[in-house]
Amino acid sequence: MLWTIIVILVILWALGFFGRRISSNFPNTGNWVHVLIVIAVILLILKLLGVA
């Protein structure tokens, strides 16, 4: 379950990061892209440490 959340967050981050380059109609996400990747990395570290 946690791996699914991590993958979804990384996909959303990639869409936010590369979306403007793919299509100019893609909404501007600003700093939310970085928040998503930080959350995904924290969840991954917790999973690897066995906490979550």
C-alpha atoms as a PDB file:
ATOM      1  CA  MET A   1       0.000   0.000   0.000  1.00  0.00           C
ATOM      2  CA  LEU A   2       2.780   2.425   0.891  1.00  0.00           C
ATOM      3  CA  TRP A   3       4.634   1.611  -2.334  1.00  0.00           C
ATOM      4  CA  THR A   4       1.509   2.565  -4.275  1.00  0.00           C
ATOM      5  CA  ILE A   5       1.378   5.957  -2.564  1.00  0.00           C
ATOM      6  CA  ILE A   6       5.082   6.530  -3.235  1.00  0.00           C
ATOM      7  CA  VAL A   7       4.673   5.681  -6.929  1.00  0.00           C
ATOM      8  CA  ILE A   8       1.634   7.958  -7.267  1.00  0.00           C
ATOM      9  CA  LEU A   9       3.501  10.850  -5.620  1.00  0.00           C
ATOM     10  CA  VAL A  10       6.498  10.388  -7.905  1.00  0.00           C
ATOM     11  CA  ILE A  11       4.247  10.284 -10.982  1.00  0.00           C
ATOM     12  CA  LEU A  12       2.469  13.466  -9.867  1.00  0.00           C
ATOM     13  CA  TRP A  13       5.835  15.092  -9.243  1.00  0.00           C
ATOM     14  CA  ALA A  14       7.033  14.121 -12.731  1.00  0.00           C
ATOM     15  CA  LEU A  15       3.863  15.496 -14.307  1.00  0.00           C
ATOM     16  CA  GLY A  16       4.261  18.754 -12.433  1.00  0.00           C
ATOM     17  CA  PHE A  17       7.955  19.036 -13.203  1.00  0.00           C
ATOM     18  CA  PHE A  18       7.839  18.142 -16.898  1.00  0.00           C
ATOM     19  CA  GLY A  19       4.230  19.123 -17.677  1.00  0.00           C
ATOM     20  CA  ARG A  20       5.017  22.673 -18.775  1.00  0.00           C
ATOM     21  CA  ARG A  21       7.618  21.404 -21.232  1.00  0.00           C
ATOM     22  CA  ILE A  22       5.180  18.919 -22.754  1.00  0.00           C
ATOM     23  CA  SER A  23       2.159  21.221 -23.066  1.00  0.00           C
ATOM     24  CA  SER A  24       1.788  24.931 -22.409  1.00  0.00           C
ATOM     25  CA  ASN A  25      -1.814  24.286 -21.299  1.00  0.00           C
ATOM     26  CA  PHE A  26      -0.625  22.265 -18.314  1.00  0.00           C
ATOM     27  CA  PRO A  27      -1.383  24.110 -15.043  1.00  0.00           C
ATOM     28  CA  ASN A  28       1.456  25.823 -13.198  1.00  0.00           C
ATOM     29  CA  THR A  29       2.119  23.823 -10.021  1.00  0.00           C
ATOM     30  CA  GLY A  30       4.848  25.973  -8.514  1.00  0.00           C
ATOM     31  CA  ASN A  31       6.379  24.657  -5.296  1.00  0.00           C
ATOM     32  CA  TRP A  32       3.886  21.789  -4.948  1.00  0.00           C
ATOM     33  CA  VAL A  33       6.147  19.681  -7.155  1.00  0.00           C
ATOM     34  CA  HIS A  34       8.906  19.794  -4.585  1.00  0.00           C
ATOM     35  CA  VAL A  35       6.529  19.116  -1.706  1.00  0.00           C
ATOM     36  CA  LEU A  36       5.322  15.943  -3.430  1.00  0.00           C
ATOM     37  CA  ILE A  37       8.823  14.598  -4.024  1.00  0.00           C
ATOM     38  CA  VAL A  38       9.872  15.352  -0.430  1.00  0.00           C
ATOM     39  CA  ILE A  39       6.829  13.465   0.893  1.00  0.00           C
ATOM     40  CA  ALA A  40       7.583  10.532  -1.410  1.00  0.00           C
ATOM     41  CA  VAL A  41      11.233  10.405  -0.283  1.00  0.00           C
ATOM     42  CA  ILE A  42      10.262  10.557   3.397  1.00  0.00           C
ATOM     43  CA  LEU A  43       7.767   7.725   2.922  1.00  0.00           C
ATOM     44  CA  LEU A  44      10.379   5.677   1.079  1.00  0.00           C
ATOM     45  CA  ILE A  45      12.931   6.162   3.858  1.00  0.00           C
ATOM     46  CA  LEU A  46      10.375   5.209   6.517  1.00  0.00           C
ATOM     47  CA  LYS A  47       9.465   2.097   4.535  1.00  0.00           C
ATOM     48  CA  LEU A  48      13.099   1.061   4.161  1.00  0.00           C
ATOM     49  CA  LEU A  49      13.726   1.586   7.876  1.00  0.00           C
ATOM     50  CA  GLY A  50      10.713  -0.551   8.705  1.00  0.00           C
ATOM     51  CA  VAL A  51       8.848   2.197  10.567  1.00  0.00           C
ATOM     52  CA  ALA A  52       5.834   2.289   8.244  1.00  0.00           C
END
